[in-house]
């Protein structure tokens, strides 16, 4: 009769730890379960609840003293302790809006607003020629020569699209701005004979609120054509636009974190001192409360002091290249 092959864990144990069978720990009968040496190193890093989970897992060894524990997720989550820390430096990212499809999306946005404003789709010959052919001539380009949003909010990021029809010049064109940073002129028709037209739409992507922006799209013909042809050098201006947007985002992030930290520090101080709302305040309590609040906010305050330095942003925008 063929002998039954030992269990996998037993084979591992016999191969790696000869004679270890004499040291098997039986959870049912109790006994001595030595911790691995690495536990000594972990003592410096594990908190109480984490150390409890570590020891628990080590003493769940099977019959061959090899542990493949079945983790109780709910129980483990109860032992989790939240720890927050701040990054020591800025996170780097590449801001890039490019490629044929993204460019077509820009043209479609202006095209759609023009049609929604009463322009016949067939009248937008430039846009149709570009959108209907994979090899069509692009009819849009970056434009930063002047700010076309005359009431630009200094504390909000927005998307916007505006269209203007000038039958005297035969021009129907649009202006599209994304995240207050990517700013583009779009040629829709170069033989426009419809009625004078202007329409716009803007939205705050952070909350979906529609914004009432004002535009000045009265551009000299040569400047408009150069913009649509993407002939302007705009790298420095685009970086400046991104820096303005980054400043808005950082200010919001700082205010949001400041509120969170202050609220958490207040709640933590009340809990630690055993105070409740409406309790009579004494000089001693006020002093103790102030100490605890400052202590709770210390990581945030230290982070603000050590990272209070000028910040910059870089974007990849090769001169002469469309999105």
C-alpha atoms as a PDB file:
ATOM      1  CA  UNK A   1       0.000   0.000   0.000  1.00  0.00           C
ATOM      2  CA  UNK A   2       1.353   3.342  -0.979  1.00  0.00           C
ATOM      3  CA  UNK A   3       2.175   5.607   1.940  1.00  0.00           C
ATOM      4  CA  UNK A   4       0.136   8.810   2.095  1.00  0.00           C
ATOM      5  CA  UNK A   5       2.172  11.872   1.274  1.00  0.00           C
ATOM      6  CA  UNK A   6       2.720  14.190   4.302  1.00  0.00           C
ATOM      7  CA  UNK A   7       0.886  17.518   4.264  1.00  0.00           C
ATOM      8  CA  UNK A   8       2.623  20.360   2.442  1.00  0.00           C
ATOM      9  CA  UNK A   9       3.405  22.370   5.584  1.00  0.00           C
ATOM     10  CA  UNK A  10       4.901  19.290   7.250  1.00  0.00           C
ATOM     11  CA  UNK A  11       7.145  18.746   4.223  1.00  0.00           C
ATOM     12  CA  UNK A  12       8.282  22.361   4.393  1.00  0.00           C
ATOM     13  CA  UNK A  13       8.939  22.067   8.131  1.00  0.00           C
ATOM     14  CA  UNK A  14      10.898  18.821   7.867  1.00  0.00           C
ATOM     15  CA  UNK A  15      12.995  20.184   5.020  1.00  0.00           C
ATOM     16  CA  UNK A  16      13.744  23.614   6.465  1.00  0.00           C
ATOM     17  CA  UNK A  17      13.682  22.804  10.191  1.00  0.00           C
ATOM     18  CA  UNK A  18      14.780  19.186  10.826  1.00  0.00           C
ATOM     19  CA  UNK A  19      13.697  17.971  14.259  1.00  0.00           C
ATOM     20  CA  UNK A  20      11.189  20.780  14.694  1.00  0.00           C
ATOM     21  CA  UNK A  21       8.415  18.209  15.234  1.00  0.00           C
ATOM     22  CA  UNK A  22       9.492  17.939  18.871  1.00  0.00           C
ATOM     23  CA  UNK A  23       8.812  21.656  19.300  1.00  0.00           C
ATOM     24  CA  UNK A  24       5.306  21.729  17.842  1.00  0.00           C
ATOM     25  CA  UNK A  25       2.973  24.064  19.699  1.00  0.00           C
ATOM     26  CA  UNK A  26      -0.584  22.825  20.108  1.00  0.00           C
ATOM     27  CA  UNK A  27      -3.106  25.661  20.486  1.00  0.00           C
ATOM     28  CA  UNK A  28      -5.539  23.214  22.095  1.00  0.00           C
ATOM     29  CA  UNK A  29      -3.156  22.080  24.853  1.00  0.00           C
ATOM     30  CA  UNK A  30      -1.296  25.333  25.385  1.00  0.00           C
ATOM     31  CA  UNK A  31       2.472  25.472  25.476  1.00  0.00           C
ATOM     32  CA  UNK A  32       5.437  27.625  24.593  1.00  0.00           C
ATOM     33  CA  UNK A  33       5.391  29.532  21.268  1.00  0.00           C
ATOM     34  CA  UNK A  34       8.620  31.495  20.675  1.00  0.00           C
ATOM     35  CA  UNK A  35       8.262  34.593  18.523  1.00  0.00           C
ATOM     36  CA  UNK A  36      10.522  35.000  15.493  1.00  0.00           C
ATOM     37  CA  UNK A  37      13.481  37.333  15.904  1.00  0.00           C
ATOM     38  CA  UNK A  38      11.979  39.891  13.575  1.00  0.00           C
ATOM     39  CA  UNK A  39       9.431  40.673  16.278  1.00  0.00           C
ATOM     40  CA  UNK A  40      12.206  42.363  18.254  1.00  0.00           C
ATOM     41  CA  UNK A  41      12.783  44.791  15.404  1.00  0.00           C
ATOM     42  CA  UNK A  42       9.090  45.405  14.957  1.00  0.00           C
ATOM     43  CA  UNK A  43       8.610  46.432  18.591  1.00  0.00           C
ATOM     44  CA  UNK A  44      10.030  49.851  17.748  1.00  0.00           C
ATOM     45  CA  UNK A  45       7.447  50.441  15.015  1.00  0.00           C
ATOM     46  CA  UNK A  46       4.247  48.653  15.992  1.00  0.00           C
ATOM     47  CA  UNK A  47       1.639  50.315  18.167  1.00  0.00           C
ATOM     48  CA  UNK A  48      -0.253  48.408  20.857  1.00  0.00           C
ATOM     49  CA  UNK A  49      -3.132  47.273  18.639  1.00  0.00           C
ATOM     50  CA  UNK A  50      -0.787  46.401  15.777  1.00  0.00           C
ATOM     51  CA  UNK A  51       1.470  44.387  18.059  1.00  0.00           C
ATOM     52  CA  UNK A  52      -1.577  42.541  19.362  1.00  0.00           C
ATOM     53  CA  UNK A  53      -2.536  41.511  15.813  1.00  0.00           C
ATOM     54  CA  UNK A  54       1.061  40.451  15.047  1.00  0.00           C
ATOM     55  CA  UNK A  55       1.292  38.184  18.100  1.00  0.00           C
ATOM     56  CA  UNK A  56      -2.172  36.812  17.457  1.00  0.00           C
ATOM     57  CA  UNK A  57      -1.208  35.807  13.922  1.00  0.00           C
ATOM     58  CA  UNK A  58       2.025  34.167  15.060  1.00  0.00           C
ATOM     59  CA  UNK A  59       0.254  32.000  17.621  1.00  0.00           C
ATOM     60  CA  UNK A  60      -2.327  30.773  15.128  1.00  0.00           C
ATOM     61  CA  UNK A  61       0.121  28.213  13.779  1.00  0.00           C
ATOM     62  CA  UNK A  62      -1.259  25.025  12.279  1.00  0.00           C
ATOM     63  CA  UNK A  63      -0.311  21.465  13.285  1.00  0.00           C
ATOM     64  CA  UNK A  64       3.108  21.967  11.679  1.00  0.00           C
ATOM     65  CA  UNK A  65       3.629  25.365  13.360  1.00  0.00           C
ATOM     66  CA  UNK A  66       3.358  27.166  10.031  1.00  0.00           C
ATOM     67  CA  UNK A  67       0.871  29.998  10.034  1.00  0.00           C
ATOM     68  CA  UNK A  68      -1.632  30.674   7.278  1.00  0.00           C
ATOM     69  CA  UNK A  69      -4.134  32.594   9.400  1.00  0.00           C
ATOM     70  CA  UNK A  70      -7.731  33.250   8.471  1.00  0.00           C
ATOM     71  CA  UNK A  71      -8.037  36.936   9.127  1.00  0.00           C
ATOM     72  CA  UNK A  72     -11.261  38.226  10.615  1.00  0.00           C
ATOM     73  CA  UNK A  73     -11.562  41.478   8.680  1.00  0.00           C
ATOM     74  CA  UNK A  74     -14.097  43.067  11.005  1.00  0.00           C
ATOM     75  CA  UNK A  75     -12.007  42.250  14.060  1.00  0.00           C
ATOM     76  CA  UNK A  76      -8.854  43.516  12.389  1.00  0.00           C
ATOM     77  CA  UNK A  77     -10.553  46.771  11.376  1.00  0.00           C
ATOM     78  CA  UNK A  78     -11.534  47.369  14.990  1.00  0.00           C
ATOM     79  CA  UNK A  79      -7.847  47.277  15.869  1.00  0.00           C
ATOM     80  CA  UNK A  80      -6.825  49.720  13.156  1.00  0.00           C
ATOM     81  CA  UNK A  81      -5.486  53.029  14.439  1.00  0.00           C
ATOM     82  CA  UNK A  82      -5.600  55.965  12.037  1.00  0.00           C
ATOM     83  CA  UNK A  83      -2.332  57.851  11.697  1.00  0.00           C
ATOM     84  CA  UNK A  84      -1.900  60.994   9.617  1.00  0.00           C
ATOM     85  CA  UNK A  85       1.316  62.535   8.404  1.00  0.00           C
ATOM     86  CA  UNK A  86       2.282  65.218   5.917  1.00  0.00           C
ATOM     87  CA  UNK A  87       4.466  64.712   2.885  1.00  0.00           C
ATOM     88  CA  UNK A  88       7.892  66.330   3.336  1.00  0.00           C
ATOM     89  CA  UNK A  89       7.890  67.733  -0.187  1.00  0.00           C
ATOM     90  CA  UNK A  90       5.620  68.620  -3.095  1.00  0.00           C
ATOM     91  CA  UNK A  91       4.130  65.875  -5.253  1.00  0.00           C
ATOM     92  CA  UNK A  92       5.294  66.123  -8.852  1.00  0.00           C
ATOM     93  CA  UNK A  93       2.842  65.707 -11.706  1.00  0.00           C
ATOM     94  CA  UNK A  94       2.759  66.280 -15.426  1.00  0.00           C
ATOM     95  CA  UNK A  95       0.003  68.558 -16.689  1.00  0.00           C
ATOM     96  CA  UNK A  96      -0.644  67.539 -20.257  1.00  0.00           C
ATOM     97  CA  UNK A  97      -3.643  67.999 -22.511  1.00  0.00           C
ATOM     98  CA  UNK A  98      -2.852  66.694 -25.938  1.00  0.00           C
ATOM     99  CA  UNK A  99      -3.455  64.395 -28.820  1.00  0.00           C
ATOM    100  CA  UNK A 100      -5.842  64.443 -31.759  1.00  0.00           C
ATOM    101  CA  UNK A 101      -8.898  63.304 -29.804  1.00  0.00           C
ATOM    102  CA  UNK A 102      -8.604  66.005 -27.148  1.00  0.00           C
ATOM    103  CA  UNK A 103      -8.234  68.640 -29.869  1.00  0.00           C
ATOM    104  CA  UNK A 104     -11.379  67.410 -31.572  1.00  0.00           C
ATOM    105  CA  UNK A 105     -13.175  67.584 -28.238  1.00  0.00           C
ATOM    106  CA  UNK A 106     -12.289  71.282 -27.972  1.00  0.00           C
ATOM    107  CA  UNK A 107     -13.636  71.983 -31.461  1.00  0.00           C
ATOM    108  CA  UNK A 108     -16.802  69.982 -30.750  1.00  0.00           C
ATOM    109  CA  UNK A 109     -17.471  72.084 -27.637  1.00  0.00           C
ATOM    110  CA  UNK A 110     -17.442  75.339 -29.601  1.00  0.00           C
ATOM    111  CA  UNK A 111     -19.290  73.741 -32.519  1.00  0.00           C
ATOM    112  CA  UNK A 112     -22.061  72.481 -30.225  1.00  0.00           C
ATOM    113  CA  UNK A 113     -22.554  75.884 -28.589  1.00  0.00           C
ATOM    114  CA  UNK A 114     -22.743  77.574 -32.000  1.00  0.00           C
ATOM    115  CA  UNK A 115     -25.421  75.146 -33.183  1.00  0.00           C
ATOM    116  CA  UNK A 116     -27.291  75.502 -29.870  1.00  0.00           C
ATOM    117  CA  UNK A 117     -27.218  79.278 -30.475  1.00  0.00           C
ATOM    118  CA  UNK A 118     -29.019  78.950 -33.796  1.00  0.00           C
ATOM    119  CA  UNK A 119     -26.212  78.484 -36.309  1.00  0.00           C
ATOM    120  CA  UNK A 120     -26.822  75.788 -38.904  1.00  0.00           C
ATOM    121  CA  UNK A 121     -24.357  72.938 -38.553  1.00  0.00           C
ATOM    122  CA  UNK A 122     -23.631  73.131 -42.299  1.00  0.00           C
ATOM    123  CA  UNK A 123     -22.485  76.749 -41.857  1.00  0.00           C
ATOM    124  CA  UNK A 124     -19.557  75.657 -39.628  1.00  0.00           C
ATOM    125  CA  UNK A 125     -17.453  74.618 -42.609  1.00  0.00           C
ATOM    126  CA  UNK A 126     -14.053  74.812 -40.848  1.00  0.00           C
ATOM    127  CA  UNK A 127     -15.140  72.698 -37.893  1.00  0.00           C
ATOM    128  CA  UNK A 128     -16.961  70.151 -40.064  1.00  0.00           C
ATOM    129  CA  UNK A 129     -13.993  69.760 -42.395  1.00  0.00           C
ATOM    130  CA  UNK A 130     -11.690  69.052 -39.459  1.00  0.00           C
ATOM    131  CA  UNK A 131     -14.039  66.779 -37.515  1.00  0.00           C
ATOM    132  CA  UNK A 132     -15.187  64.662 -40.459  1.00  0.00           C
ATOM    133  CA  UNK A 133     -11.690  63.780 -41.692  1.00  0.00           C
ATOM    134  CA  UNK A 134      -8.856  62.109 -39.813  1.00  0.00           C
ATOM    135  CA  UNK A 135      -6.441  64.182 -41.905  1.00  0.00           C
ATOM    136  CA  UNK A 136      -8.445  67.424 -41.668  1.00  0.00           C
ATOM    137  CA  UNK A 137      -6.584  70.664 -41.015  1.00  0.00           C
ATOM    138  CA  UNK A 138      -6.788  71.527 -37.288  1.00  0.00           C
ATOM    139  CA  UNK A 139      -8.737  74.733 -36.738  1.00  0.00           C
ATOM    140  CA  UNK A 140      -7.731  75.633 -33.204  1.00  0.00           C
ATOM    141  CA  UNK A 141      -4.679  76.758 -31.246  1.00  0.00           C
ATOM    142  CA  UNK A 142      -3.442  78.012 -27.874  1.00  0.00           C
ATOM    143  CA  UNK A 143      -4.009  81.712 -27.236  1.00  0.00           C
ATOM    144  CA  UNK A 144      -2.566  83.757 -24.341  1.00  0.00           C
ATOM    145  CA  UNK A 145      -1.834  87.116 -25.982  1.00  0.00           C
ATOM    146  CA  UNK A 146      -4.545  88.785 -23.937  1.00  0.00           C
ATOM    147  CA  UNK A 147      -7.117  87.703 -21.349  1.00  0.00           C
ATOM    148  CA  UNK A 148     -10.443  87.307 -23.138  1.00  0.00           C
ATOM    149  CA  UNK A 149     -12.360  86.835 -19.854  1.00  0.00           C
ATOM    150  CA  UNK A 150     -12.852  90.389 -18.623  1.00  0.00           C
ATOM    151  CA  UNK A 151     -14.228  89.522 -15.170  1.00  0.00           C
ATOM    152  CA  UNK A 152     -12.018  86.518 -14.415  1.00  0.00           C
ATOM    153  CA  UNK A 153     -12.604  85.384 -10.800  1.00  0.00           C
ATOM    154  CA  UNK A 154      -9.381  85.301  -8.810  1.00  0.00           C
ATOM    155  CA  UNK A 155     -10.514  82.532  -6.464  1.00  0.00           C
ATOM    156  CA  UNK A 156     -12.299  80.073  -8.755  1.00  0.00           C
ATOM    157  CA  UNK A 157     -11.345  77.549 -11.430  1.00  0.00           C
ATOM    158  CA  UNK A 158     -13.718  77.179 -14.355  1.00  0.00           C
ATOM    159  CA  UNK A 159     -14.432  75.691 -17.774  1.00  0.00           C
ATOM    160  CA  UNK A 160     -15.936  77.984 -20.390  1.00  0.00           C
ATOM    161  CA  UNK A 161     -16.833  78.155 -24.044  1.00  0.00           C
ATOM    162  CA  UNK A 162     -17.879  81.234 -26.016  1.00  0.00           C
ATOM    163  CA  UNK A 163     -18.736  81.757 -29.670  1.00  0.00           C
ATOM    164  CA  UNK A 164     -18.913  84.888 -31.809  1.00  0.00           C
ATOM    165  CA  UNK A 165     -20.260  85.361 -35.317  1.00  0.00           C
ATOM    166  CA  UNK A 166     -19.206  88.402 -37.362  1.00  0.00           C
ATOM    167  CA  UNK A 167     -20.872  88.420 -40.795  1.00  0.00           C
ATOM    168  CA  UNK A 168     -18.980  91.534 -41.901  1.00  0.00           C
ATOM    169  CA  UNK A 169     -15.623  89.785 -41.439  1.00  0.00           C
ATOM    170  CA  UNK A 170     -17.085  86.418 -42.448  1.00  0.00           C
ATOM    171  CA  UNK A 171     -15.813  84.861 -39.225  1.00  0.00           C
ATOM    172  CA  UNK A 172     -17.472  82.448 -36.828  1.00  0.00           C
ATOM    173  CA  UNK A 173     -15.119  81.364 -34.083  1.00  0.00           C
ATOM    174  CA  UNK A 174     -15.043  80.150 -30.525  1.00  0.00           C
ATOM    175  CA  UNK A 175     -12.991  80.432 -27.376  1.00  0.00           C
ATOM    176  CA  UNK A 176     -12.592  77.439 -25.058  1.00  0.00           C
ATOM    177  CA  UNK A 177     -10.913  77.469 -21.669  1.00  0.00           C
ATOM    178  CA  UNK A 178     -10.401  74.403 -19.470  1.00  0.00           C
ATOM    179  CA  UNK A 179      -9.483  74.537 -15.777  1.00  0.00           C
ATOM    180  CA  UNK A 180      -8.759  78.271 -16.196  1.00  0.00           C
ATOM    181  CA  UNK A 181      -5.428  77.240 -17.711  1.00  0.00           C
ATOM    182  CA  UNK A 182      -5.822  75.727 -21.178  1.00  0.00           C
ATOM    183  CA  UNK A 183      -7.005  78.605 -23.402  1.00  0.00           C
ATOM    184  CA  UNK A 184      -7.761  78.019 -27.067  1.00  0.00           C
ATOM    185  CA  UNK A 185      -9.262  79.796 -30.082  1.00  0.00           C
ATOM    186  CA  UNK A 186     -11.373  77.682 -32.425  1.00  0.00           C
ATOM    187  CA  UNK A 187     -12.198  78.508 -36.041  1.00  0.00           C
ATOM    188  CA  UNK A 188     -15.725  77.385 -36.943  1.00  0.00           C
ATOM    189  CA  UNK A 189     -16.343  79.107 -40.273  1.00  0.00           C
ATOM    190  CA  UNK A 190     -14.329  81.465 -42.480  1.00  0.00           C
ATOM    191  CA  UNK A 191     -17.251  82.351 -44.779  1.00  0.00           C
ATOM    192  CA  UNK A 192     -19.893  83.133 -42.191  1.00  0.00           C
ATOM    193  CA  UNK A 193     -22.906  85.051 -43.530  1.00  0.00           C
ATOM    194  CA  UNK A 194     -25.388  84.568 -40.714  1.00  0.00           C
ATOM    195  CA  UNK A 195     -26.641  87.083 -38.172  1.00  0.00           C
ATOM    196  CA  UNK A 196     -24.284  88.707 -35.636  1.00  0.00           C
ATOM    197  CA  UNK A 197     -23.918  86.262 -32.769  1.00  0.00           C
ATOM    198  CA  UNK A 198     -22.452  85.936 -29.317  1.00  0.00           C
ATOM    199  CA  UNK A 199     -23.110  83.301 -26.687  1.00  0.00           C
ATOM    200  CA  UNK A 200     -21.174  81.772 -23.801  1.00  0.00           C
ATOM    201  CA  UNK A 201     -21.367  79.165 -21.087  1.00  0.00           C
ATOM    202  CA  UNK A 202     -19.155  78.680 -18.028  1.00  0.00           C
ATOM    203  CA  UNK A 203     -19.187  76.263 -15.123  1.00  0.00           C
ATOM    204  CA  UNK A 204     -17.242  75.700 -11.930  1.00  0.00           C
ATOM    205  CA  UNK A 205     -16.123  72.018 -12.174  1.00  0.00           C
ATOM    206  CA  UNK A 206     -15.683  71.819  -8.406  1.00  0.00           C
ATOM    207  CA  UNK A 207     -19.380  72.214  -7.622  1.00  0.00           C
ATOM    208  CA  UNK A 208     -21.224  72.353 -10.951  1.00  0.00           C
ATOM    209  CA  UNK A 209     -22.291  75.985 -10.476  1.00  0.00           C
ATOM    210  CA  UNK A 210     -22.884  77.963 -13.652  1.00  0.00           C
ATOM    211  CA  UNK A 211     -20.882  81.189 -13.760  1.00  0.00           C
ATOM    212  CA  UNK A 212     -21.719  84.510 -15.390  1.00  0.00           C
ATOM    213  CA  UNK A 213     -18.498  85.420 -17.136  1.00  0.00           C
ATOM    214  CA  UNK A 214     -17.957  88.291 -19.527  1.00  0.00           C
ATOM    215  CA  UNK A 215     -15.832  88.037 -22.658  1.00  0.00           C
ATOM    216  CA  UNK A 216     -14.165  90.387 -25.096  1.00  0.00           C
ATOM    217  CA  UNK A 217     -13.756  88.518 -28.367  1.00  0.00           C
ATOM    218  CA  UNK A 218     -13.121  91.614 -30.462  1.00  0.00           C
ATOM    219  CA  UNK A 219      -9.825  90.503 -31.959  1.00  0.00           C
ATOM    220  CA  UNK A 220      -7.998  91.896 -34.990  1.00  0.00           C
ATOM    221  CA  UNK A 221      -8.362  89.531 -37.925  1.00  0.00           C
ATOM    222  CA  UNK A 222      -4.635  88.805 -38.200  1.00  0.00           C
ATOM    223  CA  UNK A 223      -4.408  88.036 -34.467  1.00  0.00           C
ATOM    224  CA  UNK A 224      -7.443  85.731 -34.668  1.00  0.00           C
ATOM    225  CA  UNK A 225      -5.983  83.830 -37.625  1.00  0.00           C
ATOM    226  CA  UNK A 226      -2.603  83.426 -35.931  1.00  0.00           C
ATOM    227  CA  UNK A 227      -4.328  82.119 -32.818  1.00  0.00           C
ATOM    228  CA  UNK A 228      -6.449  79.613 -34.722  1.00  0.00           C
ATOM    229  CA  UNK A 229      -3.323  78.492 -36.612  1.00  0.00           C
ATOM    230  CA  UNK A 230      -1.485  78.040 -33.300  1.00  0.00           C
ATOM    231  CA  UNK A 231       1.370  80.317 -34.274  1.00  0.00           C
ATOM    232  CA  UNK A 232       1.905  82.005 -30.915  1.00  0.00           C
ATOM    233  CA  UNK A 233       4.654  81.070 -28.468  1.00  0.00           C
ATOM    234  CA  UNK A 234       2.713  80.381 -25.272  1.00  0.00           C
ATOM    235  CA  UNK A 235       4.818  78.174 -22.980  1.00  0.00           C
ATOM    236  CA  UNK A 236       5.650  80.882 -20.416  1.00  0.00           C
ATOM    237  CA  UNK A 237       2.088  82.230 -20.398  1.00  0.00           C
ATOM    238  CA  UNK A 238       0.661  78.750 -19.903  1.00  0.00           C
ATOM    239  CA  UNK A 239       2.962  78.113 -16.946  1.00  0.00           C
ATOM    240  CA  UNK A 240       1.818  81.419 -15.408  1.00  0.00           C
ATOM    241  CA  UNK A 241      -1.815  80.374 -15.889  1.00  0.00           C
ATOM    242  CA  UNK A 242      -1.166  77.034 -14.207  1.00  0.00           C
ATOM    243  CA  UNK A 243       0.577  78.752 -11.307  1.00  0.00           C
ATOM    244  CA  UNK A 244      -2.527  80.883 -10.756  1.00  0.00           C
ATOM    245  CA  UNK A 245      -4.713  77.772 -10.733  1.00  0.00           C
ATOM    246  CA  UNK A 246      -2.302  75.971  -8.390  1.00  0.00           C
ATOM    247  CA  UNK A 247      -2.427  78.922  -5.983  1.00  0.00           C
ATOM    248  CA  UNK A 248      -6.245  78.666  -5.864  1.00  0.00           C
ATOM    249  CA  UNK A 249      -6.104  74.916  -5.266  1.00  0.00           C
ATOM    250  CA  UNK A 250      -3.440  75.235  -2.559  1.00  0.00           C
ATOM    251  CA  UNK A 251      -5.396  77.956  -0.756  1.00  0.00           C
ATOM    252  CA  UNK A 252      -8.510  75.775  -0.737  1.00  0.00           C
ATOM    253  CA  UNK A 253      -6.557  72.727   0.391  1.00  0.00           C
ATOM    254  CA  UNK A 254      -4.920  74.704   3.207  1.00  0.00           C
ATOM    255  CA  UNK A 255      -8.233  76.116   4.451  1.00  0.00           C
ATOM    256  CA  UNK A 256      -9.899  72.687   4.312  1.00  0.00           C
ATOM    257  CA  UNK A 257      -7.063  71.031   6.244  1.00  0.00           C
ATOM    258  CA  UNK A 258      -6.921  73.886   8.751  1.00  0.00           C
ATOM    259  CA  UNK A 259     -10.624  73.450   9.527  1.00  0.00           C
ATOM    260  CA  UNK A 260     -10.248  69.678   9.846  1.00  0.00           C
ATOM    261  CA  UNK A 261      -7.253  69.922  12.174  1.00  0.00           C
ATOM    262  CA  UNK A 262      -8.849  72.596  14.377  1.00  0.00           C
ATOM    263  CA  UNK A 263     -12.060  70.573  14.695  1.00  0.00           C
ATOM    264  CA  UNK A 264     -10.175  67.369  15.523  1.00  0.00           C
ATOM    265  CA  UNK A 265      -7.924  69.149  18.027  1.00  0.00           C
ATOM    266  CA  UNK A 266     -10.939  70.705  19.777  1.00  0.00           C
ATOM    267  CA  UNK A 267     -12.784  67.377  19.993  1.00  0.00           C
ATOM    268  CA  UNK A 268      -9.650  65.582  21.176  1.00  0.00           C
ATOM    269  CA  UNK A 269      -8.971  68.166  23.858  1.00  0.00           C
ATOM    270  CA  UNK A 270     -12.514  67.945  25.227  1.00  0.00           C
ATOM    271  CA  UNK A 271     -12.349  64.161  25.335  1.00  0.00           C
ATOM    272  CA  UNK A 272      -8.943  64.048  27.012  1.00  0.00           C
ATOM    273  CA  UNK A 273      -9.908  66.585  29.686  1.00  0.00           C
ATOM    274  CA  UNK A 274     -13.362  65.081  30.188  1.00  0.00           C
ATOM    275  CA  UNK A 275     -15.111  68.338  29.318  1.00  0.00           C
ATOM    276  CA  UNK A 276     -18.580  68.746  27.863  1.00  0.00           C
ATOM    277  CA  UNK A 277     -20.281  71.648  26.026  1.00  0.00           C
ATOM    278  CA  UNK A 278     -21.752  74.223  28.394  1.00  0.00           C
ATOM    279  CA  UNK A 279     -19.405  73.345  31.227  1.00  0.00           C
ATOM    280  CA  UNK A 280     -18.232  76.293  33.304  1.00  0.00           C
ATOM    281  CA  UNK A 281     -14.845  77.571  32.143  1.00  0.00           C
ATOM    282  CA  UNK A 282     -12.172  78.331  34.727  1.00  0.00           C
ATOM    283  CA  UNK A 283      -8.688  79.794  34.135  1.00  0.00           C
ATOM    284  CA  UNK A 284      -7.181  76.389  34.858  1.00  0.00           C
ATOM    285  CA  UNK A 285      -9.470  74.635  32.388  1.00  0.00           C
ATOM    286  CA  UNK A 286      -8.834  77.309  29.755  1.00  0.00           C
ATOM    287  CA  UNK A 287      -5.071  76.880  30.087  1.00  0.00           C
ATOM    288  CA  UNK A 288      -5.272  73.096  29.916  1.00  0.00           C
ATOM    289  CA  UNK A 289      -7.634  73.295  26.944  1.00  0.00           C
ATOM    290  CA  UNK A 290      -5.282  75.640  25.087  1.00  0.00           C
ATOM    291  CA  UNK A 291      -2.340  73.296  25.696  1.00  0.00           C
ATOM    292  CA  UNK A 292      -4.228  70.293  24.390  1.00  0.00           C
ATOM    293  CA  UNK A 293      -5.497  72.123  21.306  1.00  0.00           C
ATOM    294  CA  UNK A 294      -2.005  73.348  20.419  1.00  0.00           C
ATOM    295  CA  UNK A 295      -0.661  69.834  21.000  1.00  0.00           C
ATOM    296  CA  UNK A 296      -3.304  68.384  18.705  1.00  0.00           C
ATOM    297  CA  UNK A 297      -2.485  70.917  15.985  1.00  0.00           C
ATOM    298  CA  UNK A 298       1.284  70.604  16.354  1.00  0.00           C
ATOM    299  CA  UNK A 299       1.901  68.367  13.307  1.00  0.00           C
ATOM    300  CA  UNK A 300      -0.101  70.758  11.108  1.00  0.00           C
ATOM    301  CA  UNK A 301       1.625  73.862  12.487  1.00  0.00           C
ATOM    302  CA  UNK A 302       5.069  72.306  12.075  1.00  0.00           C
ATOM    303  CA  UNK A 303       4.229  71.325   8.500  1.00  0.00           C
ATOM    304  CA  UNK A 304       3.102  74.868   7.683  1.00  0.00           C
ATOM    305  CA  UNK A 305       6.292  76.376   9.091  1.00  0.00           C
ATOM    306  CA  UNK A 306       8.675  73.944   7.390  1.00  0.00           C
ATOM    307  CA  UNK A 307       6.951  74.047   3.967  1.00  0.00           C
ATOM    308  CA  UNK A 308       6.191  77.754   3.776  1.00  0.00           C
ATOM    309  CA  UNK A 309       8.216  78.375   0.631  1.00  0.00           C
ATOM    310  CA  UNK A 310       7.497  79.502  -2.933  1.00  0.00           C
ATOM    311  CA  UNK A 311       6.074  76.754  -5.094  1.00  0.00           C
ATOM    312  CA  UNK A 312       6.222  76.373  -8.831  1.00  0.00           C
ATOM    313  CA  UNK A 313       4.548  74.276 -11.448  1.00  0.00           C
ATOM    314  CA  UNK A 314       5.804  73.079 -14.790  1.00  0.00           C
ATOM    315  CA  UNK A 315       3.842  72.002 -17.811  1.00  0.00           C
ATOM    316  CA  UNK A 316       4.844  70.460 -21.096  1.00  0.00           C
ATOM    317  CA  UNK A 317       3.744  72.670 -23.977  1.00  0.00           C
ATOM    318  CA  UNK A 318       6.084  72.540 -26.974  1.00  0.00           C
ATOM    319  CA  UNK A 319       5.841  75.718 -28.989  1.00  0.00           C
ATOM    320  CA  UNK A 320       3.815  75.366 -32.166  1.00  0.00           C
ATOM    321  CA  UNK A 321       2.193  72.061 -31.175  1.00  0.00           C
ATOM    322  CA  UNK A 322      -1.562  71.801 -30.877  1.00  0.00           C
ATOM    323  CA  UNK A 323      -3.157  69.822 -28.042  1.00  0.00           C
END
